[in-house]
Protein backbone atom coordinates (compact mmCIF):
# COMPACT_ATOMS: atom_id res chain seq x y z
CA MET A 1 118.19 101.76 107.74
CA GLY A 2 118.06 100.61 111.32
CA ILE A 3 118.58 97.22 112.89
CA ARG A 4 114.86 96.55 113.14
CA ASP A 5 114.46 97.17 109.39
CA PHE A 6 117.28 94.72 108.77
CA VAL A 7 115.70 92.11 111.04
CA VAL A 8 112.24 92.43 109.47
CA GLY A 9 113.79 92.32 105.98
CA ALA A 10 115.87 89.25 106.81
CA ALA A 11 112.84 87.51 108.32
CA THR A 12 110.85 88.30 105.17
CA VAL A 13 113.55 86.77 102.98
CA MET A 14 113.71 83.67 105.18
CA ALA A 15 109.93 83.33 105.07
CA LEU A 16 110.01 83.60 101.27
CA LYS A 17 112.60 80.82 101.08
CA ASP A 18 110.63 78.61 103.49
CA ASP A 19 107.29 79.51 101.88
CA SER A 20 105.96 80.38 105.34
CA ARG A 21 103.72 83.46 104.94
CA PRO A 22 106.18 86.30 104.22
CA GLU A 23 103.24 88.69 103.95
CA ASN A 24 103.02 88.66 107.75
CA TRP A 25 106.55 90.07 108.01
CA LEU A 26 105.80 92.68 105.35
CA SER A 27 102.72 93.74 107.30
CA MET A 28 104.85 94.14 110.43
CA GLY A 29 107.27 96.29 108.43
CA ALA A 30 104.34 98.46 107.36
CA LEU A 31 103.25 98.89 110.96
CA ILE A 32 106.79 99.90 111.97
CA ASP A 33 106.98 102.43 109.13
CA LEU A 34 103.58 103.85 110.02
CA GLY A 35 104.79 104.33 113.58
CA ASP A 36 107.91 106.06 112.25
CA SER A 37 105.72 108.38 110.23
CA VAL A 38 103.70 109.39 113.28
CA VAL A 39 106.83 109.90 115.39
CA MET A 40 108.40 111.98 112.65
CA VAL A 41 105.41 114.32 112.50
CA ALA A 42 105.46 114.71 116.29
CA SER A 43 109.23 115.34 116.59
CA PRO A 44 109.63 118.91 117.86
CA GLY A 45 113.42 119.02 117.37
CA VAL A 46 113.21 118.52 113.61
CA SER A 47 112.44 121.29 111.13
CA LYS A 48 108.99 121.39 109.60
CA ARG A 49 110.42 120.51 106.21
CA GLY A 50 112.41 117.61 107.70
CA ARG A 51 109.36 116.27 109.53
CA LEU A 52 107.27 116.41 106.38
CA PHE A 53 109.97 114.69 104.31
CA GLY A 54 110.62 111.99 106.92
CA ALA A 55 106.93 111.32 107.46
CA THR A 56 106.31 111.11 103.71
CA VAL A 57 109.14 108.61 103.19
CA ALA A 58 108.03 106.46 106.14
CA PHE A 59 104.37 106.55 105.09
CA SER A 60 105.29 105.68 101.48
CA SER A 61 107.29 102.72 102.73
CA ALA A 62 104.33 101.57 104.84
CA VAL A 63 102.04 101.71 101.80
CA LEU A 64 104.56 99.74 99.72
CA HIS A 65 104.91 97.09 102.43
CA LEU A 66 101.14 96.67 102.64
CA ARG A 67 100.79 96.44 98.87
CA LEU A 68 103.49 93.78 98.63
CA ALA A 69 101.95 91.87 101.55
CA ARG A 70 98.57 91.87 99.82
CA GLU A 71 100.06 90.67 96.52
CA LEU A 72 101.91 87.84 98.28
CA ALA A 73 98.77 86.86 100.17
CA ASP A 74 96.77 86.80 96.92
CA THR A 75 99.46 84.65 95.28
CA SER A 76 99.43 82.24 98.22
CA LEU A 77 95.66 81.97 98.06
CA ASP A 78 95.76 81.30 94.33
CA ALA A 79 98.32 78.52 94.80
CA GLU A 80 96.25 76.96 97.58
CA ARG A 81 93.11 77.17 95.41
CA VAL A 82 94.86 75.42 92.51
CA ALA A 83 96.16 72.68 94.82
CA LEU A 84 92.67 72.11 96.24
CA GLU A 85 91.15 71.98 92.74
CA GLU A 86 93.77 69.43 91.66
CA LEU A 87 93.07 67.38 94.74
CA ALA A 88 89.32 67.54 94.17
CA THR A 89 89.58 66.53 90.51
CA GLY A 90 92.17 63.83 91.14
CA ALA A 91 94.75 65.48 88.89
CA ASP A 92 97.53 64.00 91.02
CA ASP A 93 96.29 60.48 90.27
CA VAL A 94 96.84 60.87 86.52
CA ALA A 95 100.63 60.45 86.74
């Protein structure tokens, strides 16, 4: 794990705590991992088996980041939809 992975991970955690769109940070992590995958395939100094393994791990991580980002985005949209419905029906005025 490199420093950039640590920074993106820490920013994701902070965004989760602040409820400020952590899916954006996860998407950036996916882009970084996808870049790592491409670089790994193109690395001439690494054995073929090593390149395949490294590229597979990086690509898998990119897919996981994107999936988590999508799930968080869907959750955020659902929460916003519920808040708008409550506002439209006056559910906040009941209390």
